[in-house]
């Protein structure tokens, strides 16, 4: 009896050991795991131009929340719904991104074990049942014109030892693959909008006026501290009200021009509809309401008693050689990061501290006829009815004047159209720029006008 019990005990231990060995032994990947290797993730998605919506959802461990970004084609134009339907310069970028997604292939199968998802970084950022703050990837969804899903996948961490590869998983599947890809999956607002806010190059600028003033917000009276006019003459920048030993600092001036040329957006906010209409050249006059006034003041902009639009940090006027005059008004400071800055996600509870400092910007455009002075008219136009061989000296002179005048008329028409187009783009929006951009633009006389001796020392040093 004792020997039988002993034998059964040994058999029991052996069985347990066998089970443990089976459970803990490394699992071999079966040939079936490689059956789809090299195949496209989305075989039905073949035309990049069929993509009309791209949504990118990333995860912020700091806030423990998902951040969606979406670009879509709606109402005949590309817009960013997460940013108040701000227009997106998206068609070419979306087509390029879609082409990269079409090329995604199941290169290297790695695992179908859910326990590996965190290490690979392919946990769905929208997964509500997952409690951890790490291991979440970026979910990318592409849809077509009828709303059908063309592609949907999660991009995880970079793959060690495999250049240009990321872990990728389809949300409805368990398998994770190492995938070589160079597709740009940016969910940054600034990557999807017109980067050149003013659409002006520094070589076009021939006048800059810095209006330095402050506003008494109670009485709306203005304390005008300075009005610095900088004008380009014969290739040299000159300033108003300078002494004989003073000149414009060329290095600082070029820095200002470069800042204007490279001015980019950090965010946008919508203006009230009535205020937007009043700023569009083609819409005529509109009554400014108390709602408009409140909206302006919340961003640091004010209407004076005589109807002038003012800002609590002064303004900058910039004229081009084509006669386009931009006015940049600098408003209230804005703190924050991410969507709170780019889209105003928490404007209703905006704190005065925390995050980076930014600045509201109000931009308008006008045509400045002094930038394109009217040339002399021809005395007559008899030359128009004569062949060149019969033109007198007077006819030739009038023809030269007439051609110059016609060019001026075309230039004026072009400048006015540019102004209308710019105002149509600027009218609906308050812009947000970074503090760094503000600091480069918000200069004063002491920054730009220096003594010749100091300038020479600066140049030689």
Protein backbone atom coordinates (compact mmCIF):
# COMPACT_ATOMS: atom_id res chain seq x y z
CA UNK A 1 0.00 0.00 0.00
CA UNK A 2 2.81 2.37 0.95
CA UNK A 3 4.64 1.64 -2.33
CA UNK A 4 1.47 2.35 -4.34
CA UNK A 5 1.04 5.71 -2.61
CA UNK A 6 4.68 6.53 -3.19
CA UNK A 7 4.36 5.67 -6.89
CA UNK A 8 1.25 7.82 -7.25
CA UNK A 9 3.02 10.72 -5.55
CA UNK A 10 5.91 10.49 -7.98
CA UNK A 11 3.49 10.36 -10.91
CA UNK A 12 1.66 13.43 -9.59
CA UNK A 13 4.90 15.42 -9.26
CA UNK A 14 5.98 14.34 -12.71
CA UNK A 15 2.64 15.45 -14.17
CA UNK A 16 2.91 18.87 -12.50
CA UNK A 17 6.45 19.31 -13.75
CA UNK A 18 5.37 18.33 -17.24
CA UNK A 19 2.54 20.90 -17.19
CA UNK A 20 4.89 23.62 -15.90
CA UNK A 21 7.42 22.76 -18.57
CA UNK A 22 4.73 23.05 -21.24
CA UNK A 23 3.39 26.36 -19.91
CA UNK A 24 6.76 28.05 -19.42
CA UNK A 25 8.58 26.69 -22.45
CA UNK A 26 9.26 29.28 -25.22
CA UNK A 27 6.52 29.13 -27.80
CA UNK A 28 7.53 28.57 -31.34
CA UNK A 29 5.92 30.80 -33.93
CA UNK A 30 4.05 28.56 -36.31
CA UNK A 31 4.30 28.93 -40.09
CA UNK A 32 0.74 30.26 -40.08
CA UNK A 33 1.99 33.37 -38.26
CA UNK A 34 3.95 34.33 -41.36
CA UNK A 35 1.15 33.61 -43.83
CA UNK A 36 0.39 37.31 -44.37
CA UNK A 37 3.97 38.60 -44.22
CA UNK A 38 4.64 41.25 -46.86
CA UNK A 39 0.96 41.84 -47.59
CA UNK A 40 -0.53 45.37 -47.44
CA UNK A 41 -2.42 46.27 -44.29
CA UNK A 42 -5.29 47.75 -46.27
CA UNK A 43 -5.55 46.06 -49.68
CA UNK A 44 -8.80 47.83 -50.53
CA UNK A 45 -7.16 51.27 -50.14
CA UNK A 46 -5.33 51.95 -53.41
CA UNK A 47 -6.08 55.55 -54.44
CA UNK A 48 -4.60 58.27 -52.17
CA UNK A 49 -6.98 60.84 -53.67
CA UNK A 50 -9.97 58.90 -52.36
CA UNK A 51 -9.05 59.96 -48.81
CA UNK A 52 -11.10 62.93 -47.62
CA UNK A 53 -10.68 62.66 -43.85
CA UNK A 54 -7.68 61.95 -41.66
CA UNK A 55 -7.98 61.65 -37.89
CA UNK A 56 -4.94 61.29 -35.63
CA UNK A 57 -5.48 60.54 -31.94
CA UNK A 58 -2.43 60.78 -29.70
CA UNK A 59 -2.20 60.28 -25.94
CA UNK A 60 -0.78 62.68 -23.39
CA UNK A 61 0.46 60.79 -20.30
CA UNK A 62 0.79 64.11 -18.47
CA UNK A 63 -2.94 64.78 -18.60
CA UNK A 64 -4.08 61.17 -18.97
CA UNK A 65 -6.24 62.08 -21.95
CA UNK A 66 -6.43 61.46 -25.68
CA UNK A 67 -5.88 64.40 -28.05
CA UNK A 68 -7.75 64.12 -31.37
CA UNK A 69 -6.75 66.01 -34.50
CA UNK A 70 -8.84 65.85 -37.65
CA UNK A 71 -8.59 67.19 -41.19
CA UNK A 72 -11.56 66.81 -43.51
CA UNK A 73 -13.04 68.07 -46.76
CA UNK A 74 -16.33 69.82 -46.11
CA UNK A 75 -18.33 72.48 -47.93
CA UNK A 76 -15.88 72.58 -50.81
CA UNK A 77 -12.80 73.26 -48.67
CA UNK A 78 -10.36 71.55 -46.33
CA UNK A 79 -10.94 72.37 -42.67
CA UNK A 80 -9.70 71.40 -39.21
CA UNK A 81 -12.83 70.70 -37.09
CA UNK A 82 -10.85 70.53 -33.84
CA UNK A 83 -9.72 74.12 -34.44
CA UNK A 84 -13.00 75.88 -35.16
CA UNK A 85 -13.01 74.72 -38.80
CA UNK A 86 -9.88 76.71 -39.58
CA UNK A 87 -8.93 76.26 -43.27
CA UNK A 88 -6.25 73.66 -43.85
CA UNK A 89 -3.68 73.62 -46.61
CA UNK A 90 -4.25 69.89 -46.61
CA UNK A 91 -4.96 68.41 -50.03
CA UNK A 92 -1.39 67.69 -51.10
CA UNK A 93 -0.27 66.74 -47.60
CA UNK A 94 -3.21 64.40 -47.06
CA UNK A 95 -2.63 62.73 -50.44
CA UNK A 96 1.05 62.25 -49.56
CA UNK A 97 0.17 60.84 -46.13
CA UNK A 98 -2.45 58.56 -47.67
CA UNK A 99 0.07 57.27 -50.22
CA UNK A 100 2.41 56.38 -47.36
CA UNK A 101 -0.38 54.52 -45.56
CA UNK A 102 -1.23 52.58 -48.73
CA UNK A 103 2.40 51.41 -48.79
CA UNK A 104 2.27 50.01 -45.21
CA UNK A 105 2.97 46.29 -45.26
CA UNK A 106 3.01 43.55 -42.65
CA UNK A 107 6.80 43.31 -42.71
CA UNK A 108 7.73 41.40 -39.57
CA UNK A 109 5.26 39.60 -37.27
CA UNK A 110 6.23 40.07 -33.62
CA UNK A 111 3.42 38.98 -31.28
CA UNK A 112 -0.28 38.43 -30.73
CA UNK A 113 0.03 38.53 -26.94
CA UNK A 114 -1.92 41.40 -25.34
CA UNK A 115 0.66 41.48 -22.54
CA UNK A 116 3.24 42.75 -25.07
CA UNK A 117 1.18 45.76 -26.16
CA UNK A 118 2.54 48.11 -23.51
CA UNK A 119 6.17 47.36 -24.38
CA UNK A 120 5.42 47.85 -28.07
CA UNK A 121 3.41 51.05 -27.42
CA UNK A 122 0.35 49.85 -29.36
CA UNK A 123 -2.38 50.17 -26.74
CA UNK A 124 -5.28 52.06 -28.30
CA UNK A 125 -5.26 55.69 -27.01
CA UNK A 126 -9.07 55.52 -27.04
CA UNK A 127 -9.18 52.32 -24.94
CA UNK A 128 -11.21 53.23 -21.85
CA UNK A 129 -10.62 49.92 -20.05
CA UNK A 130 -6.83 50.39 -20.02
CA UNK A 131 -5.80 52.08 -16.78
CA UNK A 132 -2.07 52.60 -17.39
CA UNK A 133 -0.62 55.86 -18.62
CA UNK A 134 2.16 54.25 -20.64
CA UNK A 135 2.25 52.08 -23.71
CA UNK A 136 -0.44 53.92 -25.65
CA UNK A 137 0.21 54.57 -29.30
CA UNK A 138 -1.14 56.95 -31.91
CA UNK A 139 -4.31 55.89 -33.69
CA UNK A 140 -4.69 56.89 -37.33
CA UNK A 141 -7.97 56.61 -39.24
CA UNK A 142 -8.51 57.47 -42.91
CA UNK A 143 -11.99 57.76 -44.42
CA UNK A 144 -13.36 58.24 -47.92
CA UNK A 145 -16.06 60.50 -49.34
CA UNK A 146 -18.94 58.36 -48.09
CA UNK A 147 -17.47 58.00 -44.61
CA UNK A 148 -16.25 54.46 -45.16
CA UNK A 149 -13.05 53.55 -43.32
CA UNK A 150 -10.13 53.12 -45.71
CA UNK A 151 -7.48 52.52 -43.06
CA UNK A 152 -7.38 52.30 -39.27
CA UNK A 153 -4.26 51.40 -37.29
CA UNK A 154 -2.17 52.17 -34.19
CA UNK A 155 1.45 53.25 -34.48
CA UNK A 156 3.66 52.39 -31.52
CA UNK A 157 7.30 52.65 -30.51
CA UNK A 158 10.34 52.56 -32.76
CA UNK A 159 11.70 49.06 -33.31
CA UNK A 160 15.16 48.54 -31.87
CA UNK A 161 17.67 47.29 -34.40
CA UNK A 162 15.36 47.93 -37.37
CA UNK A 163 16.00 51.32 -38.91
CA UNK A 164 12.91 53.35 -39.82
CA UNK A 165 10.52 50.79 -38.35
CA UNK A 166 7.64 51.16 -35.87
CA UNK A 167 5.37 48.68 -34.18
CA UNK A 168 1.93 48.69 -35.84
CA UNK A 169 -1.35 47.04 -34.91
CA UNK A 170 -4.84 47.17 -36.42
CA UNK A 171 -7.32 47.85 -33.54
CA UNK A 172 -9.58 44.95 -34.49
CA UNK A 173 -6.64 42.51 -34.65
CA UNK A 174 -4.32 41.06 -32.00
CA UNK A 175 -1.18 40.78 -34.11
CA UNK A 176 1.60 43.31 -33.82
CA UNK A 177 4.06 43.88 -36.65
CA UNK A 178 7.35 45.69 -37.04
CA UNK A 179 6.77 47.90 -40.07
CA UNK A 180 9.18 50.03 -42.06
CA UNK A 181 7.57 53.39 -42.75
CA UNK A 182 8.51 57.02 -43.38
CA UNK A 183 4.94 58.35 -43.49
CA UNK A 184 4.51 61.69 -41.70
CA UNK A 185 1.65 61.27 -39.24
CA UNK A 186 1.66 64.71 -37.69
CA UNK A 187 -1.24 65.78 -35.50
CA UNK A 188 0.23 69.25 -35.00
CA UNK A 189 -2.00 72.13 -36.02
CA UNK A 190 0.88 74.17 -37.42
CA UNK A 191 1.86 71.36 -39.81
CA UNK A 192 -1.51 71.44 -41.58
CA UNK A 193 -2.11 75.16 -42.10
CA UNK A 194 -0.63 77.86 -44.31
CA UNK A 195 2.76 78.40 -42.69
CA UNK A 196 3.32 81.84 -44.16
CA UNK A 197 0.74 83.93 -42.30
CA UNK A 198 1.44 87.25 -44.03
CA UNK A 199 2.60 85.80 -47.36
CA UNK A 200 5.29 88.42 -47.60
CA UNK A 201 9.04 88.08 -48.14
CA UNK A 202 11.43 90.45 -46.42
CA UNK A 203 12.77 91.63 -49.78
CA UNK A 204 9.32 93.09 -50.59
CA UNK A 205 9.17 95.31 -47.51
CA UNK A 206 10.08 98.99 -47.91
CA UNK A 207 8.52 100.56 -44.81
CA UNK A 208 7.97 99.55 -41.18
CA UNK A 209 6.20 101.71 -38.58
CA UNK A 210 6.32 100.81 -34.89
CA UNK A 211 3.51 102.49 -32.98
CA UNK A 212 4.39 102.40 -29.30
CA UNK A 213 1.44 103.37 -27.10
CA UNK A 214 -0.56 102.26 -24.09
CA UNK A 215 -4.30 102.34 -23.41
CA UNK A 216 -6.17 103.45 -20.34
CA UNK A 217 -8.68 100.59 -20.34
CA UNK A 218 -11.15 102.56 -18.23
CA UNK A 219 -11.28 105.78 -20.26
CA UNK A 220 -9.99 104.26 -23.55
CA UNK A 221 -7.58 107.17 -23.85
CA UNK A 222 -4.25 106.60 -25.60
CA UNK A 223 -0.79 107.47 -24.34
CA UNK A 224 1.29 107.69 -27.52
CA UNK A 225 4.91 107.12 -26.50
CA UNK A 226 6.61 106.93 -29.89
CA UNK A 227 6.01 106.51 -33.60
CA UNK A 228 9.14 105.04 -35.21
CA UNK A 229 9.06 105.16 -39.02
CA UNK A 230 11.66 103.05 -40.82
CA UNK A 231 11.89 103.51 -44.59
CA UNK A 232 14.10 101.82 -47.16
CA UNK A 233 15.85 104.40 -49.37
CA UNK A 234 18.46 103.43 -51.96
CA UNK A 235 19.04 100.13 -50.19
CA UNK A 236 19.56 101.70 -46.75
CA UNK A 237 17.06 101.81 -43.89
CA UNK A 238 16.44 105.30 -42.49
CA UNK A 239 14.55 106.27 -39.33
CA UNK A 240 12.54 109.40 -38.56
CA UNK A 241 13.66 111.85 -35.90
CA UNK A 242 17.28 110.72 -35.74
CA UNK A 243 20.36 112.79 -34.98
CA UNK A 244 23.31 113.17 -37.30
CA UNK A 245 25.29 110.54 -35.39
CA UNK A 246 22.47 107.94 -35.38
CA UNK A 247 21.65 105.17 -37.84
CA UNK A 248 19.38 102.13 -38.04
CA UNK A 249 21.06 99.02 -36.67
CA UNK A 250 21.22 96.82 -39.77
CA UNK A 251 21.54 93.55 -37.84
CA UNK A 252 18.48 94.21 -35.66
CA UNK A 253 16.55 95.49 -38.69
CA UNK A 254 17.27 92.33 -40.65
CA UNK A 255 16.16 90.29 -37.64
CA UNK A 256 12.84 92.17 -37.62
CA UNK A 257 12.33 91.62 -41.36
CA UNK A 258 13.15 87.93 -41.00
CA UNK A 259 10.66 87.60 -38.14
CA UNK A 260 7.96 89.11 -40.37
CA UNK A 261 8.90 86.84 -43.26
CA UNK A 262 8.86 83.71 -41.07
CA UNK A 263 5.90 84.57 -38.83
CA UNK A 264 3.96 81.39 -38.07
CA UNK A 265 0.89 80.51 -36.04
CA UNK A 266 0.66 78.90 -32.63
CA UNK A 267 -3.14 78.93 -32.65
CA UNK A 268 -6.41 80.52 -33.79
CA UNK A 269 -9.71 81.75 -32.32
CA UNK A 270 -12.87 82.73 -34.16
CA UNK A 271 -14.13 86.31 -34.18
CA UNK A 272 -17.85 87.11 -33.81
CA UNK A 273 -19.60 86.96 -37.19
CA UNK A 274 -20.50 90.66 -37.25
CA UNK A 275 -16.95 91.69 -36.48
CA UNK A 276 -15.65 89.41 -39.23
CA UNK A 277 -18.04 90.92 -41.78
CA UNK A 278 -17.00 94.44 -40.88
CA UNK A 279 -13.39 93.60 -41.68
CA UNK A 280 -14.00 92.22 -45.16
CA UNK A 281 -13.59 94.81 -47.90
CA UNK A 282 -16.44 93.48 -50.00
CA UNK A 283 -19.07 93.40 -47.27
CA UNK A 284 -19.66 97.09 -46.65
CA UNK A 285 -20.32 98.68 -43.27
CA UNK A 286 -21.62 96.69 -40.31
CA UNK A 287 -22.61 97.78 -36.86
CA UNK A 288 -20.19 96.73 -34.11
CA UNK A 289 -22.20 95.17 -31.27
CA UNK A 290 -21.48 94.94 -27.55
CA UNK A 291 -20.70 91.26 -28.12
CA UNK A 292 -18.04 92.29 -30.64
CA UNK A 293 -16.59 94.82 -28.18
CA UNK A 294 -16.50 92.21 -25.40
CA UNK A 295 -14.79 89.73 -27.70
CA UNK A 296 -12.16 92.30 -28.67
CA UNK A 297 -11.44 93.34 -25.10
CA UNK A 298 -11.08 89.73 -23.93
CA UNK A 299 -8.16 89.41 -26.36
CA UNK A 300 -6.58 92.78 -25.53
CA UNK A 301 -8.08 94.94 -28.32
CA UNK A 302 -10.17 98.09 -27.90
CA UNK A 303 -12.26 100.53 -29.91
CA UNK A 304 -11.42 104.14 -29.09
CA UNK A 305 -14.12 106.78 -28.80
CA UNK A 306 -13.41 107.88 -32.37
CA UNK A 307 -13.70 104.32 -33.71
CA UNK A 308 -10.02 103.38 -33.97
CA UNK A 309 -9.06 99.79 -33.27
CA UNK A 310 -6.25 99.74 -30.70
CA UNK A 311 -4.29 97.08 -28.86
CA UNK A 312 -2.82 97.02 -25.40
CA UNK A 313 0.69 96.18 -26.65
CA UNK A 314 0.91 98.64 -29.54
CA UNK A 315 1.05 97.81 -33.22
CA UNK A 316 3.33 97.30 -36.18
CA UNK A 317 2.61 98.52 -39.71
CA UNK A 318 4.43 96.89 -42.60
CA UNK A 319 4.26 98.12 -46.21
CA UNK A 320 5.46 96.28 -49.29
CA UNK A 321 6.78 97.72 -52.54
CA UNK A 322 3.50 96.58 -54.09
CA UNK A 323 1.52 98.96 -51.85
CA UNK A 324 0.08 96.34 -49.48
CA UNK A 325 0.00 97.69 -45.92
CA UNK A 326 -0.30 95.17 -43.08
CA UNK A 327 -1.24 96.20 -39.56
CA UNK A 328 -0.28 93.80 -36.77
CA UNK A 329 -1.89 94.59 -33.42
CA UNK A 330 -0.50 92.83 -30.36
CA UNK A 331 -3.01 91.86 -27.69
CA UNK A 332 -3.26 90.01 -24.39
CA UNK A 333 -0.83 87.37 -23.17
CA UNK A 334 -2.04 83.76 -23.29
CA UNK A 335 -0.56 80.91 -21.25
CA UNK A 336 -0.88 77.23 -21.95
CA UNK A 337 0.21 74.33 -24.09
CA UNK A 338 -1.26 72.01 -26.71
CA UNK A 339 -4.91 72.42 -27.62
CA UNK A 340 -5.41 75.12 -25.01
CA UNK A 341 -3.18 77.37 -27.12
CA UNK A 342 -3.81 76.14 -30.66
CA UNK A 343 -7.60 75.75 -30.42
CA UNK A 344 -8.69 77.38 -27.15
CA UNK A 345 -9.82 74.09 -25.65
CA UNK A 346 -10.12 75.65 -22.19
CA UNK A 347 -10.54 79.35 -22.95
CA UNK A 348 -13.51 79.51 -20.62
CA UNK A 349 -11.23 78.75 -17.69
CA UNK A 350 -7.98 80.21 -18.97
CA UNK A 351 -5.51 80.69 -16.15
CA UNK A 352 -2.97 83.48 -16.06
CA UNK A 353 -0.10 81.14 -15.37
CA UNK A 354 1.12 77.70 -16.34
CA UNK A 355 2.51 76.63 -19.68
CA UNK A 356 4.32 78.78 -22.19
CA UNK A 357 3.46 82.42 -22.80
CA UNK A 358 1.91 83.35 -26.14
CA UNK A 359 0.27 86.48 -27.52
CA UNK A 360 -2.97 87.31 -29.35
CA UNK A 361 -2.49 88.96 -32.74
CA UNK A 362 -5.03 90.90 -34.84
CA UNK A 363 -4.06 91.34 -38.51
CA UNK A 364 -5.60 93.54 -41.20
CA UNK A 365 -4.48 94.71 -44.63
CA UNK A 366 -5.03 97.90 -46.62
CA UNK A 367 -3.86 99.38 -49.89
CA UNK A 368 -1.43 102.26 -49.40
CA UNK A 369 -1.43 104.35 -52.56
CA UNK A 370 1.74 106.13 -51.43
CA UNK A 371 3.54 102.82 -51.89
CA UNK A 372 2.67 102.92 -55.59
CA UNK A 373 2.74 106.61 -56.55
CA UNK A 374 0.84 107.44 -59.71
CA UNK A 375 3.21 108.07 -62.66
CA UNK A 376 2.88 110.89 -65.16
CA UNK A 377 0.15 110.41 -67.75
CA UNK A 378 0.87 110.77 -71.48
CA UNK A 379 -0.21 114.10 -72.99
CA UNK A 380 -2.21 112.25 -75.62
CA UNK A 381 -2.73 108.73 -76.95
CA UNK A 382 -2.31 109.39 -80.68
CA UNK A 383 0.50 106.83 -80.73
CA UNK A 384 -2.04 104.03 -80.25
CA UNK A 385 -3.36 104.50 -83.80
CA UNK A 386 0.04 104.71 -85.53
CA UNK A 387 2.50 102.04 -86.60
CA UNK A 388 5.88 102.33 -84.88
CA UNK A 389 7.51 103.46 -88.12
CA UNK A 390 5.37 106.61 -88.18
CA UNK A 391 5.77 107.60 -84.54
CA UNK A 392 7.15 111.07 -83.93
CA UNK A 393 9.48 111.79 -81.02
CA UNK A 394 6.51 113.15 -79.08
CA UNK A 395 4.54 109.98 -79.85
CA UNK A 396 7.42 107.82 -78.63
CA UNK A 397 7.65 109.78 -75.39
CA UNK A 398 3.89 109.50 -74.87
CA UNK A 399 4.01 105.78 -75.63
CA UNK A 400 6.67 105.26 -72.97
CA UNK A 401 4.59 107.22 -70.46
CA UNK A 402 1.44 105.36 -71.47
CA UNK A 403 3.02 101.95 -71.05
CA UNK A 404 4.34 102.90 -67.61
CA UNK A 405 0.93 104.23 -66.63
CA UNK A 406 -0.81 101.05 -67.81
CA UNK A 407 1.64 98.97 -65.73
CA UNK A 408 0.81 101.13 -62.72
CA UNK A 409 -2.93 100.57 -63.23
CA UNK A 410 -2.36 96.81 -63.38
CA UNK A 411 -0.15 96.94 -60.27
CA UNK A 412 -2.82 98.88 -58.36
CA UNK A 413 -5.52 96.41 -59.39
CA UNK A 414 -3.28 93.51 -58.34
CA UNK A 415 -2.50 95.15 -54.98
CA UNK A 416 -6.17 95.81 -54.27
CA UNK A 417 -7.03 92.19 -55.08
CA UNK A 418 -4.23 91.01 -52.81
CA UNK A 419 -5.60 93.17 -50.00
CA UNK A 420 -9.13 91.81 -50.50
CA UNK A 421 -7.83 88.23 -50.51
CA UNK A 422 -5.77 88.82 -47.37
CA UNK A 423 -8.67 90.41 -45.49
CA UNK A 424 -10.95 87.56 -46.50
CA UNK A 425 -8.41 85.25 -44.86
CA UNK A 426 -7.72 87.43 -41.80
CA UNK A 427 -11.26 88.60 -41.09
CA UNK A 428 -12.60 85.54 -39.25
CA UNK A 429 -9.67 84.96 -36.93
CA UNK A 430 -7.75 86.14 -33.94
CA UNK A 431 -4.31 84.62 -34.24
CA UNK A 432 -1.98 83.37 -31.52
CA UNK A 433 1.79 83.69 -31.89
CA UNK A 434 4.55 82.51 -29.60
CA UNK A 435 6.24 84.80 -27.10
CA UNK A 436 9.47 84.31 -29.05
CA UNK A 437 7.85 85.71 -32.21
CA UNK A 438 6.32 88.57 -30.23
CA UNK A 439 9.70 89.51 -28.75
CA UNK A 440 11.26 89.67 -32.23
CA UNK A 441 8.51 91.94 -33.54
CA UNK A 442 7.72 94.12 -30.53
CA UNK A 443 10.78 96.37 -30.71
CA UNK A 444 11.32 100.03 -29.83
CA UNK A 445 13.46 102.92 -31.00
CA UNK A 446 16.27 102.06 -28.59
CA UNK A 447 16.44 98.57 -30.14
CA UNK A 448 16.67 99.79 -33.73
CA UNK A 449 18.32 103.22 -33.69
CA UNK A 450 21.91 103.33 -32.44
CA UNK A 451 24.90 105.62 -32.65
CA UNK A 452 27.20 105.19 -35.64
CA UNK A 453 30.09 104.46 -33.29
CA UNK A 454 28.20 101.68 -31.52
CA UNK A 455 27.10 100.22 -34.86
CA UNK A 456 30.65 100.20 -36.18
CA UNK A 457 31.87 98.49 -33.01
CA UNK A 458 29.12 95.90 -33.29
CA UNK A 459 29.99 95.21 -36.94
CA UNK A 460 33.72 94.86 -36.38
CA UNK A 461 33.20 92.83 -33.19
